[in-house]
Amino acid sequence: MKKDELLKLGLDEENAKKVADASAEELKGYIPKARFDEINNDKKKLELDVRERDTQLETLKNSTGDVETMKKTIETLQTDNKTKDETHAAELKQLKIDAAVSAALSSSKAKNEKAVKALLDLTKAELADDGSIKGLDDQIKKLSAAEDSKFLFDTETKKTKIKGATPGETGKEDPDGKVDVTKMSYEELATYMAENPDAEI
């Protein structure tokens, strides 16, 4: 799970980061779903092609007629098979592009992959030898730095603690640095002590 999802479940910032990092480390050995789908679809397509071509050969073997008709039938089958191969190659390329985009957005800590993907120019996407998309990292860096789109990425920013934000905190401290706990309820005091274990009361 991603850190923002863990935060929504109620974990604090530090524990959410630890769990998210541990989860990412654990998943390193797993095959991404997009890669599994790519191989699985390729296997299904090859099995279907073999069955179709076996049927085509059987039809030709059993056909009787003149040579010209058979030549035309073979040409038609060859054209159909070529079209199917080209369609499959395009589908396979798109699967690889989708997998590469998803991996890049995940590693760049995009909060919403669908939203960020809509801002990317993938019309002329070219796959590199390592499976990544040429120029994609630069596009993502620009989006994560731009004022109108950087909110789509999980950038680590230290939260400023504001006095008085914790229940029971008045924001005023005694001259000796102690917070006035006399006006706190038991629950407020327990919350304050949990958040400030070193505090003296």
C-alpha atoms as a PDB file:
ATOM      1  CA  MET A   1       0.000   0.000   0.000  1.00  0.00           C
ATOM      2  CA  LYS A   2       1.069   3.568  -0.619  1.00  0.00           C
ATOM      3  CA  LYS A   3       1.782   5.989   2.192  1.00  0.00           C
ATOM      4  CA  ASP A   4      -1.253   8.223   1.532  1.00  0.00           C
ATOM      5  CA  GLU A   5      -3.545   5.159   1.675  1.00  0.00           C
ATOM      6  CA  LEU A   6      -2.020   4.166   5.034  1.00  0.00           C
ATOM      7  CA  LEU A   7      -2.478   7.706   6.361  1.00  0.00           C
ATOM      8  CA  LYS A   8      -6.178   7.494   5.461  1.00  0.00           C
ATOM      9  CA  LEU A   9      -6.382   4.286   7.529  1.00  0.00           C
ATOM     10  CA  GLY A  10      -5.216   6.235  10.577  1.00  0.00           C
ATOM     11  CA  LEU A  11      -1.469   5.561  10.747  1.00  0.00           C
ATOM     12  CA  ASP A  12       0.770   8.467  11.680  1.00  0.00           C
ATOM     13  CA  GLU A  13       3.288   9.898   9.173  1.00  0.00           C
ATOM     14  CA  GLU A  14       6.330   7.987  10.484  1.00  0.00           C
ATOM     15  CA  ASN A  15       4.639   4.565  10.720  1.00  0.00           C
ATOM     16  CA  ALA A  16       2.885   5.043   7.362  1.00  0.00           C
ATOM     17  CA  LYS A  17       6.270   5.694   5.716  1.00  0.00           C
ATOM     18  CA  LYS A  18       7.829   2.627   7.387  1.00  0.00           C
ATOM     19  CA  VAL A  19       4.977   0.346   6.306  1.00  0.00           C
ATOM     20  CA  ALA A  20       4.950   1.763   2.753  1.00  0.00           C
ATOM     21  CA  ASP A  21       8.736   1.273   2.436  1.00  0.00           C
ATOM     22  CA  ALA A  22       8.502  -2.274   3.808  1.00  0.00           C
ATOM     23  CA  SER A  23       5.659  -3.048   1.392  1.00  0.00           C
ATOM     24  CA  ALA A  24       7.653  -1.693  -1.572  1.00  0.00           C
ATOM     25  CA  GLU A  25      10.683  -3.792  -0.536  1.00  0.00           C
ATOM     26  CA  GLU A  26       8.540  -6.931  -0.243  1.00  0.00           C
ATOM     27  CA  LEU A  27       7.027  -6.423  -3.698  1.00  0.00           C
ATOM     28  CA  LYS A  28      10.420  -6.136  -5.435  1.00  0.00           C
ATOM     29  CA  GLY A  29      10.537  -9.872  -6.109  1.00  0.00           C
ATOM     30  CA  TYR A  30       7.045 -10.017  -7.606  1.00  0.00           C
ATOM     31  CA  ILE A  31       6.183  -9.763 -11.292  1.00  0.00           C
ATOM     32  CA  PRO A  32       4.070  -6.646 -11.975  1.00  0.00           C
ATOM     33  CA  LYS A  33       0.493  -7.440 -13.031  1.00  0.00           C
ATOM     34  CA  ALA A  34       0.993  -5.593 -16.333  1.00  0.00           C
ATOM     35  CA  ARG A  35       3.978  -7.864 -17.153  1.00  0.00           C
ATOM     36  CA  PHE A  36       1.990 -10.973 -16.188  1.00  0.00           C
ATOM     37  CA  ASP A  37      -0.916  -9.819 -18.385  1.00  0.00           C
ATOM     38  CA  GLU A  38       1.480  -9.153 -21.255  1.00  0.00           C
ATOM     39  CA  ILE A  39       2.936 -12.690 -21.120  1.00  0.00           C
ATOM     40  CA  ASN A  40      -0.457 -14.306 -20.536  1.00  0.00           C
ATOM     41  CA  ASN A  41      -2.080 -12.440 -23.460  1.00  0.00           C
ATOM     42  CA  ASP A  42       0.882 -13.316 -25.682  1.00  0.00           C
ATOM     43  CA  LYS A  43       0.495 -17.004 -24.802  1.00  0.00           C
ATOM     44  CA  LYS A  44      -3.262 -16.946 -25.490  1.00  0.00           C
ATOM     45  CA  LYS A  45      -2.691 -15.176 -28.825  1.00  0.00           C
ATOM     46  CA  LEU A  46      -0.081 -17.749 -29.914  1.00  0.00           C
ATOM     47  CA  GLU A  47      -2.384 -20.638 -28.985  1.00  0.00           C
ATOM     48  CA  LEU A  48      -5.238 -19.050 -30.936  1.00  0.00           C
ATOM     49  CA  ASP A  49      -2.977 -18.421 -33.965  1.00  0.00           C
ATOM     50  CA  VAL A  50      -1.833 -22.049 -34.015  1.00  0.00           C
ATOM     51  CA  ARG A  51      -5.438 -23.302 -33.887  1.00  0.00           C
ATOM     52  CA  GLU A  52      -6.538 -20.910 -36.635  1.00  0.00           C
ATOM     53  CA  ARG A  53      -3.659 -21.800 -38.934  1.00  0.00           C
ATOM     54  CA  ASP A  54      -4.187 -25.518 -38.355  1.00  0.00           C
ATOM     55  CA  THR A  55      -7.806 -25.015 -39.428  1.00  0.00           C
ATOM     56  CA  GLN A  56      -6.695 -23.028 -42.490  1.00  0.00           C
ATOM     57  CA  LEU A  57      -4.248 -25.765 -43.531  1.00  0.00           C
ATOM     58  CA  GLU A  58      -6.877 -28.460 -43.014  1.00  0.00           C
ATOM     59  CA  THR A  59      -9.315 -26.481 -45.186  1.00  0.00           C
ATOM     60  CA  LEU A  60      -6.707 -26.132 -47.951  1.00  0.00           C
ATOM     61  CA  LYS A  61      -5.795 -29.822 -47.757  1.00  0.00           C
ATOM     62  CA  ASN A  62      -9.418 -30.887 -48.159  1.00  0.00           C
ATOM     63  CA  SER A  63     -10.274 -28.378 -50.866  1.00  0.00           C
ATOM     64  CA  THR A  64     -10.504 -29.424 -54.475  1.00  0.00           C
ATOM     65  CA  GLY A  65     -10.465 -27.005 -57.349  1.00  0.00           C
ATOM     66  CA  ASP A  66      -8.263 -25.198 -59.738  1.00  0.00           C
ATOM     67  CA  VAL A  67      -4.825 -23.862 -58.840  1.00  0.00           C
ATOM     68  CA  GLU A  68      -5.776 -20.180 -59.333  1.00  0.00           C
ATOM     69  CA  THR A  69      -8.573 -20.382 -56.747  1.00  0.00           C
ATOM     70  CA  MET A  70      -6.233 -22.031 -54.257  1.00  0.00           C
ATOM     71  CA  LYS A  71      -3.581 -19.333 -54.851  1.00  0.00           C
ATOM     72  CA  LYS A  72      -6.142 -16.611 -54.163  1.00  0.00           C
ATOM     73  CA  THR A  73      -7.300 -18.389 -51.002  1.00  0.00           C
ATOM     74  CA  ILE A  74      -3.709 -18.652 -49.778  1.00  0.00           C
ATOM     75  CA  GLU A  75      -3.063 -14.955 -50.508  1.00  0.00           C
ATOM     76  CA  THR A  76      -6.225 -13.975 -48.624  1.00  0.00           C
ATOM     77  CA  LEU A  77      -5.202 -16.096 -45.641  1.00  0.00           C
ATOM     78  CA  GLN A  78      -1.692 -14.621 -45.688  1.00  0.00           C
ATOM     79  CA  THR A  79      -3.092 -11.077 -45.716  1.00  0.00           C
ATOM     80  CA  ASP A  80      -5.489 -11.862 -42.856  1.00  0.00           C
ATOM     81  CA  ASN A  81      -2.697 -13.442 -40.807  1.00  0.00           C
ATOM     82  CA  LYS A  82      -0.405 -10.472 -41.412  1.00  0.00           C
ATOM     83  CA  THR A  83      -3.140  -8.063 -40.256  1.00  0.00           C
ATOM     84  CA  LYS A  84      -3.720 -10.145 -37.122  1.00  0.00           C
ATOM     85  CA  ASP A  85       0.022 -10.219 -36.373  1.00  0.00           C
ATOM     86  CA  GLU A  86       0.287  -6.431 -36.760  1.00  0.00           C
ATOM     87  CA  THR A  87      -2.747  -5.889 -34.510  1.00  0.00           C
ATOM     88  CA  HIS A  88      -1.270  -8.193 -31.869  1.00  0.00           C
ATOM     89  CA  ALA A  89       2.118  -6.442 -32.058  1.00  0.00           C
ATOM     90  CA  ALA A  90       0.387  -3.072 -31.523  1.00  0.00           C
ATOM     91  CA  GLU A  91      -1.568  -4.446 -28.544  1.00  0.00           C
ATOM     92  CA  LEU A  92       1.618  -5.908 -27.053  1.00  0.00           C
ATOM     93  CA  LYS A  93       3.466  -2.608 -27.487  1.00  0.00           C
ATOM     94  CA  GLN A  94       0.613  -0.744 -25.771  1.00  0.00           C
ATOM     95  CA  LEU A  95       0.710  -3.199 -22.857  1.00  0.00           C
ATOM     96  CA  LYS A  96       4.453  -2.592 -22.473  1.00  0.00           C
ATOM     97  CA  ILE A  97       3.950   1.195 -22.620  1.00  0.00           C
ATOM     98  CA  ASP A  98       1.180   1.037 -19.990  1.00  0.00           C
ATOM     99  CA  ALA A  99       3.384  -1.099 -17.720  1.00  0.00           C
ATOM    100  CA  ALA A 100       6.355   1.275 -18.115  1.00  0.00           C
ATOM    101  CA  VAL A 101       4.192   4.357 -17.405  1.00  0.00           C
ATOM    102  CA  SER A 102       2.643   2.708 -14.340  1.00  0.00           C
ATOM    103  CA  ALA A 103       6.085   1.737 -12.975  1.00  0.00           C
ATOM    104  CA  ALA A 104       7.502   5.242 -13.573  1.00  0.00           C
ATOM    105  CA  LEU A 105       4.527   6.961 -11.922  1.00  0.00           C
ATOM    106  CA  SER A 106       4.648   4.597  -8.962  1.00  0.00           C
ATOM    107  CA  SER A 107       8.366   5.244  -8.375  1.00  0.00           C
ATOM    108  CA  SER A 108       7.824   9.013  -8.678  1.00  0.00           C
ATOM    109  CA  LYS A 109       5.156   8.779  -5.931  1.00  0.00           C
ATOM    110  CA  ALA A 110       2.243   9.992  -8.062  1.00  0.00           C
ATOM    111  CA  LYS A 111      -0.873  10.224  -5.869  1.00  0.00           C
ATOM    112  CA  ASN A 112      -3.287   9.490  -8.737  1.00  0.00           C
ATOM    113  CA  GLU A 113      -1.734   7.635 -11.705  1.00  0.00           C
ATOM    114  CA  LYS A 114      -4.763   8.189 -13.936  1.00  0.00           C
ATOM    115  CA  ALA A 115      -4.694  11.970 -13.402  1.00  0.00           C
ATOM    116  CA  VAL A 116      -0.951  12.270 -14.034  1.00  0.00           C
ATOM    117  CA  LYS A 117      -1.086   9.958 -17.063  1.00  0.00           C
ATOM    118  CA  ALA A 118      -3.651  12.283 -18.658  1.00  0.00           C
ATOM    119  CA  LEU A 119      -1.042  15.086 -18.546  1.00  0.00           C
ATOM    120  CA  LEU A 120       1.684  13.021 -20.240  1.00  0.00           C
ATOM    121  CA  ASP A 121       2.359  13.141 -23.991  1.00  0.00           C
ATOM    122  CA  LEU A 122       2.484   9.478 -24.997  1.00  0.00           C
ATOM    123  CA  THR A 123       1.484   9.893 -28.665  1.00  0.00           C
ATOM    124  CA  LYS A 124       4.999   9.077 -29.875  1.00  0.00           C
ATOM    125  CA  ALA A 125       6.086   6.895 -26.957  1.00  0.00           C
ATOM    126  CA  GLU A 126       9.172   4.816 -27.744  1.00  0.00           C
ATOM    127  CA  LEU A 127      10.334   1.933 -25.602  1.00  0.00           C
ATOM    128  CA  ALA A 128      14.019   1.850 -24.613  1.00  0.00           C
ATOM    129  CA  ASP A 129      16.017  -1.386 -24.341  1.00  0.00           C
ATOM    130  CA  ASP A 130      15.528  -1.473 -20.565  1.00  0.00           C
ATOM    131  CA  GLY A 131      11.712  -1.374 -20.936  1.00  0.00           C
ATOM    132  CA  SER A 132      11.337   2.278 -19.955  1.00  0.00           C
ATOM    133  CA  ILE A 133       9.890   5.007 -22.186  1.00  0.00           C
ATOM    134  CA  LYS A 134      12.293   7.515 -23.716  1.00  0.00           C
ATOM    135  CA  GLY A 135      11.826  11.006 -22.268  1.00  0.00           C
ATOM    136  CA  LEU A 136       9.160   9.930 -19.770  1.00  0.00           C
ATOM    137  CA  ASP A 137      11.280  10.720 -16.688  1.00  0.00           C
ATOM    138  CA  ASP A 138      11.796  14.292 -17.938  1.00  0.00           C
ATOM    139  CA  GLN A 139       8.050  14.767 -18.434  1.00  0.00           C
ATOM    140  CA  ILE A 140       7.325  13.465 -14.921  1.00  0.00           C
ATOM    141  CA  LYS A 141      10.027  15.706 -13.380  1.00  0.00           C
ATOM    142  CA  LYS A 142       8.513  18.772 -15.077  1.00  0.00           C
ATOM    143  CA  LEU A 143       5.041  17.885 -13.779  1.00  0.00           C
ATOM    144  CA  SER A 144       6.288  17.250 -10.239  1.00  0.00           C
ATOM    145  CA  ALA A 145       8.057  20.635 -10.228  1.00  0.00           C
ATOM    146  CA  ALA A 146       5.344  22.731 -11.938  1.00  0.00           C
ATOM    147  CA  GLU A 147       3.150  24.822  -9.634  1.00  0.00           C
ATOM    148  CA  ASP A 148      -0.112  23.686 -11.276  1.00  0.00           C
ATOM    149  CA  SER A 149       0.653  19.947 -11.103  1.00  0.00           C
ATOM    150  CA  LYS A 150       3.118  19.268  -8.265  1.00  0.00           C
ATOM    151  CA  PHE A 151       0.207  18.595  -5.873  1.00  0.00           C
ATOM    152  CA  LEU A 152      -0.338  15.333  -7.803  1.00  0.00           C
ATOM    153  CA  PHE A 153       2.893  13.938  -6.324  1.00  0.00           C
ATOM    154  CA  ASP A 154       3.694  12.893  -2.762  1.00  0.00           C
ATOM    155  CA  THR A 155       6.511  15.282  -1.921  1.00  0.00           C
ATOM    156  CA  GLU A 156       7.916  14.980   1.591  1.00  0.00           C
ATOM    157  CA  THR A 157       7.184  18.187   3.461  1.00  0.00           C
ATOM    158  CA  LYS A 158       7.715  18.542   7.186  1.00  0.00           C
ATOM    159  CA  LYS A 159       4.547  19.664   8.916  1.00  0.00           C
ATOM    160  CA  THR A 160       4.812  22.701  11.147  1.00  0.00           C
ATOM    161  CA  LYS A 161       3.461  22.067  14.614  1.00  0.00           C
ATOM    162  CA  ILE A 162       1.124  24.836  15.723  1.00  0.00           C
ATOM    163  CA  LYS A 163       0.606  25.509  19.382  1.00  0.00           C
ATOM    164  CA  GLY A 164      -2.967  25.084  20.457  1.00  0.00           C
ATOM    165  CA  ALA A 165      -3.720  22.490  17.767  1.00  0.00           C
ATOM    166  CA  THR A 166      -3.547  19.624  20.254  1.00  0.00           C
ATOM    167  CA  PRO A 167      -6.598  19.305  22.497  1.00  0.00           C
ATOM    168  CA  GLY A 168      -5.903  20.951  25.832  1.00  0.00           C
ATOM    169  CA  GLU A 169      -2.956  22.996  24.559  1.00  0.00           C
ATOM    170  CA  THR A 170      -3.465  26.691  25.122  1.00  0.00           C
ATOM    171  CA  GLY A 171      -0.406  27.713  23.197  1.00  0.00           C
ATOM    172  CA  LYS A 172       0.891  29.474  26.264  1.00  0.00           C
ATOM    173  CA  GLU A 173       3.701  28.074  28.284  1.00  0.00           C
ATOM    174  CA  ASP A 174       4.785  28.889  31.823  1.00  0.00           C
ATOM    175  CA  PRO A 175       8.107  30.688  32.175  1.00  0.00           C
ATOM    176  CA  ASP A 176       9.718  27.380  33.122  1.00  0.00           C
ATOM    177  CA  GLY A 177       8.556  25.863  29.771  1.00  0.00           C
ATOM    178  CA  LYS A 178       5.715  23.714  31.159  1.00  0.00           C
ATOM    179  CA  VAL A 179       2.266  23.631  29.602  1.00  0.00           C
ATOM    180  CA  ASP A 180      -0.633  24.392  31.933  1.00  0.00           C
ATOM    181  CA  VAL A 181      -2.358  21.017  32.334  1.00  0.00           C
ATOM    182  CA  THR A 182      -4.727  22.046  35.119  1.00  0.00           C
ATOM    183  CA  LYS A 183      -7.461  22.930  32.629  1.00  0.00           C
ATOM    184  CA  MET A 184      -7.161  19.672  30.666  1.00  0.00           C
ATOM    185  CA  SER A 185      -9.599  16.780  30.937  1.00  0.00           C
ATOM    186  CA  TYR A 186      -8.235  13.277  31.525  1.00  0.00           C
ATOM    187  CA  GLU A 187      -8.544  12.428  27.784  1.00  0.00           C
ATOM    188  CA  GLU A 188      -6.804  15.663  26.767  1.00  0.00           C
ATOM    189  CA  LEU A 189      -4.000  15.031  29.245  1.00  0.00           C
ATOM    190  CA  ALA A 190      -3.574  11.446  27.980  1.00  0.00           C
ATOM    191  CA  THR A 191      -3.422  12.717  24.371  1.00  0.00           C
ATOM    192  CA  TYR A 192      -0.913  15.406  25.300  1.00  0.00           C
ATOM    193  CA  MET A 193       1.321  12.917  27.161  1.00  0.00           C
ATOM    194  CA  ALA A 194       1.163  10.455  24.251  1.00  0.00           C
ATOM    195  CA  GLU A 195       2.332  13.163  21.837  1.00  0.00           C
ATOM    196  CA  ASN A 196       4.861  14.656  24.261  1.00  0.00           C
ATOM    197  CA  PRO A 197       6.302  11.741  26.260  1.00  0.00           C
ATOM    198  CA  ASP A 198       9.222  13.840  27.559  1.00  0.00           C
ATOM    199  CA  ALA A 199       7.041  16.669  28.785  1.00  0.00           C
ATOM    200  CA  GLU A 200       7.220  17.609  32.435  1.00  0.00           C
ATOM    201  CA  ILE A 201       3.939  18.301  34.221  1.00  0.00           C
END
